[in-house]
C-alpha cells in the first residue's frame, strides 16, 4: 500500500518495476492482502480507491486464493494471526521472496515451510536486485 501513495522509495520502485511487465520479474499477492488493502483504504483513505483500482491491474500480479484453514495450522502461534494468511499465500505461490515492511513479524516462522523463500524488506529487495534488473533491461 505504501508504494501506491509515494512517488519514491523502495516500495514504489518495486511497483514501478512490476508495471514494466519484465519477462524475468513477476509479482504475486494473496487475495487476503488485497482484501486488507481495500479495507484499509475504505477506512482511512476512501478517495484513493479509484487510484488503487486503476493501478492494480497494471502490476500483473498473480493472485493466490485465500488459504484453506488446513494450510495455516502449522503456522498459527508462530506469527501474528493477521500475518498467517500473508505468509501461507506466499508459500502456496512458491514465492522466492516475501517482501514486507514488517520483516520482524515473520522471524518465528519455522524454517521448513519456507526453505527457499527469503523474507526481505522492500529496501533490501531493491538494494540486492535493482542492479541486476537494470543490467538485464539495458542488455
N, C-alpha and C. Protein backbone atom coordinates (compact mmCIF):
# COMPACT_ATOMS: atom_id res chain seq x y z
N UNK A 1 0.83 -1.18 0.00
CA UNK A 1 0.00 0.00 0.00
C UNK A 1 0.88 1.25 0.00
N UNK A 2 2.01 1.19 0.71
CA UNK A 2 2.86 2.38 0.79
C UNK A 2 3.40 2.77 -0.58
N UNK A 3 3.65 1.81 -1.44
CA UNK A 3 4.17 2.10 -2.77
C UNK A 3 3.18 2.84 -3.65
N UNK A 4 1.90 2.68 -3.37
CA UNK A 4 0.88 3.35 -4.19
C UNK A 4 0.83 4.86 -3.96
N UNK A 5 1.19 5.27 -2.77
CA UNK A 5 0.95 6.67 -2.40
C UNK A 5 2.22 7.46 -2.17
N UNK A 6 3.32 6.92 -2.59
CA UNK A 6 4.57 7.65 -2.54
C UNK A 6 5.19 7.58 -3.93
N UNK A 7 5.78 8.67 -4.36
CA UNK A 7 6.41 8.64 -5.68
C UNK A 7 7.89 8.29 -5.60
N UNK A 8 8.34 7.87 -4.42
CA UNK A 8 9.74 7.48 -4.26
C UNK A 8 9.83 6.39 -3.19
N UNK A 9 11.01 5.86 -3.03
CA UNK A 9 11.24 4.82 -2.02
C UNK A 9 11.14 3.44 -2.63
N UNK A 10 11.65 2.48 -1.91
CA UNK A 10 11.73 1.10 -2.39
C UNK A 10 10.37 0.49 -2.73
N UNK A 11 9.33 0.67 -1.90
CA UNK A 11 8.04 0.08 -2.29
C UNK A 11 7.55 0.58 -3.65
N UNK A 12 7.73 1.87 -3.92
CA UNK A 12 7.29 2.43 -5.20
C UNK A 12 8.15 1.90 -6.35
N UNK A 13 9.45 1.77 -6.12
CA UNK A 13 10.34 1.25 -7.16
C UNK A 13 9.90 -0.16 -7.55
N UNK A 14 9.57 -0.98 -6.56
CA UNK A 14 9.14 -2.35 -6.85
C UNK A 14 7.86 -2.35 -7.67
N UNK A 15 6.89 -1.54 -7.29
CA UNK A 15 5.64 -1.47 -8.05
C UNK A 15 5.88 -0.97 -9.47
N UNK A 16 6.74 0.04 -9.61
CA UNK A 16 7.04 0.55 -10.95
C UNK A 16 7.71 -0.52 -11.81
N UNK A 17 8.62 -1.28 -11.22
CA UNK A 17 9.27 -2.37 -11.96
C UNK A 17 8.25 -3.42 -12.40
N UNK A 18 7.31 -3.75 -11.52
CA UNK A 18 6.29 -4.73 -11.89
C UNK A 18 5.41 -4.23 -13.04
N UNK A 19 5.18 -2.93 -13.08
CA UNK A 19 4.36 -2.36 -14.15
C UNK A 19 5.04 -2.46 -15.52
N UNK A 20 6.34 -2.69 -15.53
CA UNK A 20 7.06 -2.82 -16.80
C UNK A 20 6.84 -4.18 -17.46
N UNK A 21 6.24 -5.11 -16.72
CA UNK A 21 5.97 -6.46 -17.23
C UNK A 21 7.22 -7.11 -17.81
N UNK A 22 8.30 -7.05 -17.07
CA UNK A 22 9.57 -7.65 -17.50
C UNK A 22 9.44 -9.17 -17.47
N UNK A 23 10.00 -9.86 -18.44
CA UNK A 23 9.83 -11.32 -18.51
C UNK A 23 10.54 -12.07 -17.38
N UNK A 24 11.48 -11.44 -16.71
CA UNK A 24 12.24 -12.11 -15.66
C UNK A 24 11.85 -11.67 -14.25
N UNK A 25 10.77 -10.88 -14.15
CA UNK A 25 10.31 -10.41 -12.84
C UNK A 25 8.80 -10.50 -12.78
N UNK A 26 8.29 -11.20 -11.80
CA UNK A 26 6.84 -11.29 -11.64
C UNK A 26 6.50 -11.15 -10.17
N UNK A 27 5.31 -10.68 -9.93
CA UNK A 27 4.84 -10.50 -8.57
C UNK A 27 3.59 -11.30 -8.31
N UNK A 28 3.37 -11.55 -7.05
CA UNK A 28 2.14 -12.22 -6.64
C UNK A 28 1.71 -11.63 -5.31
N UNK A 29 0.48 -11.81 -5.02
CA UNK A 29 -0.05 -11.41 -3.73
C UNK A 29 -1.22 -12.33 -3.41
N UNK A 30 -1.57 -12.36 -2.16
CA UNK A 30 -2.71 -13.17 -1.76
C UNK A 30 -4.01 -12.39 -1.82
N UNK A 31 -5.08 -13.09 -2.06
CA UNK A 31 -6.41 -12.47 -2.04
C UNK A 31 -6.63 -11.76 -0.70
N UNK A 32 -6.13 -12.38 0.37
CA UNK A 32 -6.23 -11.77 1.70
C UNK A 32 -5.59 -10.39 1.70
N UNK A 33 -4.41 -10.26 1.10
CA UNK A 33 -3.71 -8.97 1.07
C UNK A 33 -4.57 -7.91 0.37
N UNK A 34 -5.17 -8.30 -0.75
CA UNK A 34 -5.99 -7.36 -1.49
C UNK A 34 -7.21 -6.92 -0.68
N UNK A 35 -7.81 -7.87 0.01
CA UNK A 35 -8.95 -7.54 0.87
C UNK A 35 -8.53 -6.55 1.96
N UNK A 36 -7.36 -6.78 2.55
CA UNK A 36 -6.86 -5.91 3.61
C UNK A 36 -6.54 -4.51 3.08
N UNK A 37 -5.92 -4.43 1.91
CA UNK A 37 -5.62 -3.12 1.33
C UNK A 37 -6.91 -2.35 1.08
N UNK A 38 -7.89 -3.01 0.48
CA UNK A 38 -9.17 -2.33 0.21
C UNK A 38 -9.87 -1.90 1.49
N UNK A 39 -9.84 -2.77 2.49
CA UNK A 39 -10.46 -2.42 3.78
C UNK A 39 -9.79 -1.19 4.38
N UNK A 40 -8.45 -1.19 4.36
CA UNK A 40 -7.71 -0.05 4.91
C UNK A 40 -7.97 1.23 4.13
N UNK A 41 -8.02 1.11 2.82
CA UNK A 41 -8.30 2.29 2.01
C UNK A 41 -9.70 2.83 2.29
N UNK A 42 -10.67 1.94 2.34
CA UNK A 42 -12.05 2.38 2.61
C UNK A 42 -12.14 3.11 3.95
N UNK A 43 -11.42 2.62 4.95
CA UNK A 43 -11.48 3.21 6.28
C UNK A 43 -10.63 4.46 6.44
N UNK A 44 -9.46 4.48 5.80
CA UNK A 44 -8.50 5.56 6.06
C UNK A 44 -8.34 6.55 4.92
N UNK A 45 -8.58 6.10 3.68
CA UNK A 45 -8.31 6.96 2.54
C UNK A 45 -9.24 6.60 1.38
N UNK A 46 -10.56 6.73 1.57
CA UNK A 46 -11.51 6.27 0.55
C UNK A 46 -11.35 6.95 -0.81
N UNK A 47 -10.84 8.18 -0.81
CA UNK A 47 -10.66 8.88 -2.08
C UNK A 47 -9.57 8.24 -2.95
N UNK A 48 -8.76 7.36 -2.35
CA UNK A 48 -7.68 6.70 -3.09
C UNK A 48 -8.13 5.39 -3.76
N UNK A 49 -9.32 4.92 -3.45
CA UNK A 49 -9.78 3.65 -4.04
C UNK A 49 -9.77 3.66 -5.57
N UNK A 50 -10.20 4.72 -6.23
CA UNK A 50 -10.14 4.70 -7.71
C UNK A 50 -8.70 4.56 -8.23
N UNK A 51 -7.76 5.21 -7.59
CA UNK A 51 -6.34 5.10 -7.99
C UNK A 51 -5.88 3.65 -7.83
N UNK A 52 -6.22 3.07 -6.71
CA UNK A 52 -5.86 1.68 -6.43
C UNK A 52 -6.44 0.74 -7.49
N UNK A 53 -7.71 0.91 -7.80
CA UNK A 53 -8.36 0.04 -8.78
C UNK A 53 -7.79 0.23 -10.19
N UNK A 54 -7.34 1.42 -10.48
CA UNK A 54 -6.72 1.67 -11.79
C UNK A 54 -5.31 1.08 -11.86
N UNK A 55 -4.57 1.19 -10.77
CA UNK A 55 -3.15 0.79 -10.73
C UNK A 55 -2.98 -0.72 -10.60
N UNK A 56 -3.82 -1.37 -9.85
CA UNK A 56 -3.66 -2.80 -9.55
C UNK A 56 -3.50 -3.68 -10.79
N UNK A 57 -4.34 -3.56 -11.82
CA UNK A 57 -4.17 -4.43 -12.99
C UNK A 57 -2.84 -4.21 -13.72
N UNK A 58 -2.28 -3.03 -13.62
CA UNK A 58 -1.01 -2.72 -14.29
C UNK A 58 0.15 -3.51 -13.70
N UNK A 59 -0.01 -3.99 -12.48
CA UNK A 59 1.06 -4.74 -11.82
C UNK A 59 1.21 -6.16 -12.35
N UNK A 60 0.15 -6.68 -12.95
CA UNK A 60 0.21 -8.04 -13.48
C UNK A 60 0.46 -9.10 -12.43
N UNK A 61 -0.09 -8.89 -11.26
CA UNK A 61 0.15 -9.82 -10.14
C UNK A 61 -0.62 -11.13 -10.30
N UNK A 62 0.02 -12.20 -9.92
CA UNK A 62 -0.69 -13.46 -9.75
C UNK A 62 -1.38 -13.37 -8.40
N UNK A 63 -2.67 -13.68 -8.36
CA UNK A 63 -3.44 -13.60 -7.12
C UNK A 63 -3.61 -15.01 -6.56
N UNK A 64 -3.10 -15.22 -5.37
CA UNK A 64 -3.22 -16.50 -4.69
C UNK A 64 -4.53 -16.51 -3.90
N UNK A 65 -5.39 -17.51 -4.12
CA UNK A 65 -6.66 -17.55 -3.38
C UNK A 65 -6.45 -17.63 -1.87
N UNK A 66 -7.50 -17.32 -1.14
CA UNK A 66 -7.44 -17.41 0.32
C UNK A 66 -7.01 -18.82 0.71
N UNK A 67 -6.05 -18.93 1.63
CA UNK A 67 -5.59 -20.26 2.04
C UNK A 67 -6.68 -21.03 2.77
N UNK A 68 -6.73 -22.31 2.51
CA UNK A 68 -7.65 -23.20 3.22
C UNK A 68 -7.20 -23.27 4.69
N UNK A 69 -8.14 -23.32 5.64
CA UNK A 69 -7.76 -23.37 7.06
C UNK A 69 -6.75 -24.47 7.40
N UNK A 70 -6.79 -25.60 6.71
CA UNK A 70 -5.83 -26.68 6.97
C UNK A 70 -4.40 -26.24 6.69
N UNK A 71 -4.22 -25.32 5.75
CA UNK A 71 -2.88 -24.88 5.34
C UNK A 71 -2.22 -23.98 6.38
N UNK A 72 -3.01 -23.39 7.27
CA UNK A 72 -2.44 -22.43 8.21
C UNK A 72 -2.13 -23.04 9.58
N UNK A 73 -2.51 -24.28 9.79
CA UNK A 73 -2.36 -24.88 11.12
C UNK A 73 -0.92 -24.91 11.63
N UNK A 74 0.03 -25.21 10.77
CA UNK A 74 1.43 -25.30 11.21
C UNK A 74 2.07 -23.95 11.49
N UNK A 75 1.44 -22.88 11.09
CA UNK A 75 1.99 -21.54 11.24
C UNK A 75 1.37 -20.79 12.41
N UNK A 76 0.11 -21.11 12.70
CA UNK A 76 -0.58 -20.41 13.80
C UNK A 76 0.24 -20.51 15.07
N UNK A 77 0.33 -19.39 15.78
CA UNK A 77 1.06 -19.35 17.03
C UNK A 77 2.52 -18.95 16.85
N UNK A 78 3.02 -19.01 15.63
CA UNK A 78 4.41 -18.62 15.37
C UNK A 78 4.51 -17.15 14.97
N UNK A 79 3.47 -16.65 14.31
CA UNK A 79 3.45 -15.25 13.90
C UNK A 79 2.07 -14.68 14.21
N UNK A 80 1.96 -13.36 14.16
CA UNK A 80 0.69 -12.70 14.45
C UNK A 80 -0.39 -13.25 13.50
N UNK A 81 -1.57 -13.45 14.02
CA UNK A 81 -2.63 -14.10 13.23
C UNK A 81 -2.97 -13.36 11.95
N UNK A 82 -2.83 -12.02 11.93
CA UNK A 82 -3.12 -11.28 10.70
C UNK A 82 -2.07 -11.55 9.62
N UNK A 83 -0.89 -12.00 10.01
CA UNK A 83 0.18 -12.29 9.05
C UNK A 83 0.14 -13.72 8.53
N UNK A 84 -0.60 -14.59 9.18
CA UNK A 84 -0.65 -16.01 8.77
C UNK A 84 -1.10 -16.17 7.33
N UNK A 85 -2.22 -15.58 6.90
CA UNK A 85 -2.63 -15.78 5.50
C UNK A 85 -1.65 -15.13 4.51
N UNK A 86 -0.97 -14.08 4.91
CA UNK A 86 0.03 -13.44 4.06
C UNK A 86 1.17 -14.44 3.81
N UNK A 87 1.66 -15.01 4.88
CA UNK A 87 2.76 -15.96 4.79
C UNK A 87 2.35 -17.23 4.02
N UNK A 88 1.21 -17.79 4.38
CA UNK A 88 0.76 -19.03 3.75
C UNK A 88 0.51 -18.82 2.25
N UNK A 89 -0.01 -17.67 1.87
CA UNK A 89 -0.20 -17.37 0.45
C UNK A 89 1.14 -17.37 -0.28
N UNK A 90 2.16 -16.81 0.33
CA UNK A 90 3.49 -16.79 -0.29
C UNK A 90 4.04 -18.21 -0.43
N UNK A 91 3.80 -19.05 0.56
CA UNK A 91 4.26 -20.44 0.49
C UNK A 91 3.50 -21.18 -0.62
N UNK A 92 2.19 -21.02 -0.65
CA UNK A 92 1.37 -21.68 -1.68
C UNK A 92 1.81 -21.24 -3.08
N UNK A 93 2.10 -19.96 -3.23
CA UNK A 93 2.53 -19.43 -4.52
C UNK A 93 3.98 -19.74 -4.85
N UNK A 94 4.66 -20.41 -3.93
CA UNK A 94 6.08 -20.75 -4.10
C UNK A 94 6.91 -19.52 -4.42
N UNK A 95 6.68 -18.46 -3.65
CA UNK A 95 7.41 -17.21 -3.84
C UNK A 95 8.89 -17.39 -3.49
N UNK A 96 9.72 -16.72 -4.24
CA UNK A 96 11.14 -16.69 -3.92
C UNK A 96 11.39 -15.71 -2.77
N UNK A 97 10.57 -14.65 -2.73
CA UNK A 97 10.71 -13.61 -1.71
C UNK A 97 9.35 -13.21 -1.18
N UNK A 98 9.30 -12.96 0.10
CA UNK A 98 8.15 -12.31 0.71
C UNK A 98 8.67 -10.92 1.06
N UNK A 99 8.20 -9.91 0.34
CA UNK A 99 8.65 -8.54 0.55
C UNK A 99 7.66 -7.87 1.48
N UNK A 100 8.15 -7.42 2.61
CA UNK A 100 7.28 -6.85 3.64
C UNK A 100 7.98 -5.74 4.41
N UNK A 101 7.22 -4.75 4.78
CA UNK A 101 7.75 -3.70 5.64
C UNK A 101 7.83 -4.14 7.09
N UNK A 102 7.27 -5.30 7.40
CA UNK A 102 7.24 -5.82 8.77
C UNK A 102 7.98 -7.15 8.84
N UNK A 103 9.23 -7.15 8.46
CA UNK A 103 10.03 -8.37 8.42
C UNK A 103 10.11 -9.05 9.80
N UNK A 104 10.18 -8.25 10.86
CA UNK A 104 10.29 -8.81 12.21
C UNK A 104 9.09 -9.68 12.57
N UNK A 105 7.94 -9.39 11.98
CA UNK A 105 6.74 -10.16 12.27
C UNK A 105 6.82 -11.60 11.80
N UNK A 106 7.82 -11.91 10.97
CA UNK A 106 7.93 -13.26 10.41
C UNK A 106 9.15 -14.03 10.93
N UNK A 107 9.83 -13.49 11.92
CA UNK A 107 11.06 -14.11 12.43
C UNK A 107 10.84 -15.51 12.99
N UNK A 108 9.73 -15.73 13.64
CA UNK A 108 9.50 -17.01 14.33
C UNK A 108 8.88 -18.09 13.47
N UNK A 109 8.77 -17.84 12.16
CA UNK A 109 8.21 -18.85 11.27
C UNK A 109 9.16 -20.04 11.21
N UNK A 110 8.64 -21.25 11.36
CA UNK A 110 9.51 -22.42 11.25
C UNK A 110 10.20 -22.44 9.89
N UNK A 111 11.45 -22.81 9.86
CA UNK A 111 12.26 -22.75 8.64
C UNK A 111 11.77 -23.71 7.55
N UNK A 112 11.29 -24.87 7.91
CA UNK A 112 10.95 -25.90 6.92
C UNK A 112 9.96 -25.42 5.85
N UNK A 113 8.82 -24.81 6.21
CA UNK A 113 7.89 -24.43 5.15
C UNK A 113 8.43 -23.38 4.19
N UNK A 114 9.40 -22.60 4.63
CA UNK A 114 9.90 -21.53 3.76
C UNK A 114 11.34 -21.77 3.35
N UNK A 115 11.70 -23.02 3.15
CA UNK A 115 13.07 -23.39 2.87
C UNK A 115 13.73 -22.50 1.82
N UNK A 116 13.06 -22.23 0.71
CA UNK A 116 13.70 -21.41 -0.32
C UNK A 116 13.27 -19.95 -0.29
N UNK A 117 12.18 -19.63 0.36
CA UNK A 117 11.67 -18.27 0.37
C UNK A 117 12.45 -17.40 1.35
N UNK A 118 12.88 -16.24 0.87
CA UNK A 118 13.56 -15.27 1.73
C UNK A 118 12.58 -14.16 2.08
N UNK A 119 12.61 -13.75 3.32
CA UNK A 119 11.76 -12.65 3.77
C UNK A 119 12.62 -11.41 3.85
N UNK A 120 12.25 -10.39 3.05
CA UNK A 120 13.06 -9.19 2.93
C UNK A 120 12.19 -7.95 3.00
N UNK A 121 12.80 -6.84 3.38
CA UNK A 121 12.11 -5.55 3.31
C UNK A 121 12.16 -5.05 1.87
N UNK A 122 11.31 -4.11 1.52
CA UNK A 122 11.40 -3.53 0.18
C UNK A 122 12.80 -2.96 -0.11
N UNK A 123 13.39 -2.28 0.86
CA UNK A 123 14.72 -1.71 0.66
C UNK A 123 15.76 -2.79 0.41
N UNK A 124 15.69 -3.89 1.15
CA UNK A 124 16.64 -4.99 0.94
C UNK A 124 16.47 -5.59 -0.46
N UNK A 125 15.24 -5.75 -0.89
CA UNK A 125 14.98 -6.31 -2.22
C UNK A 125 15.56 -5.40 -3.30
N UNK A 126 15.27 -4.12 -3.22
CA UNK A 126 15.76 -3.17 -4.22
C UNK A 126 17.28 -3.10 -4.20
N UNK A 127 17.85 -3.02 -3.02
CA UNK A 127 19.32 -2.93 -2.91
C UNK A 127 20.01 -4.14 -3.53
N UNK A 128 19.44 -5.30 -3.31
CA UNK A 128 20.07 -6.52 -3.80
C UNK A 128 19.82 -6.75 -5.29
N UNK A 129 18.61 -6.45 -5.78
CA UNK A 129 18.23 -6.87 -7.13
C UNK A 129 18.11 -5.76 -8.17
N UNK A 130 18.00 -4.51 -7.77
CA UNK A 130 17.87 -3.46 -8.76
C UNK A 130 19.05 -3.41 -9.74
N UNK A 131 20.28 -3.53 -9.27
CA UNK A 131 21.39 -3.53 -10.24
C UNK A 131 21.26 -4.65 -11.29
N UNK A 132 20.86 -5.84 -10.88
CA UNK A 132 20.69 -6.95 -11.81
C UNK A 132 19.52 -6.70 -12.76
N UNK A 133 18.43 -6.16 -12.25
CA UNK A 133 17.27 -5.85 -13.09
C UNK A 133 17.65 -4.81 -14.13
N UNK A 134 18.34 -3.76 -13.72
CA UNK A 134 18.76 -2.72 -14.66
C UNK A 134 19.72 -3.28 -15.71
N UNK A 135 20.62 -4.15 -15.28
CA UNK A 135 21.55 -4.78 -16.22
C UNK A 135 20.80 -5.56 -17.28
N UNK A 136 19.79 -6.29 -16.86
CA UNK A 136 19.00 -7.10 -17.81
C UNK A 136 18.18 -6.22 -18.76
N UNK A 137 17.71 -5.10 -18.26
CA UNK A 137 16.93 -4.19 -19.11
C UNK A 137 17.83 -3.56 -20.17
N UNK A 138 19.02 -3.16 -19.77
CA UNK A 138 19.94 -2.46 -20.66
C UNK A 138 20.55 -3.38 -21.71
N UNK A 139 20.83 -4.64 -21.34
CA UNK A 139 21.49 -5.53 -22.30
C UNK A 139 20.51 -6.39 -23.06
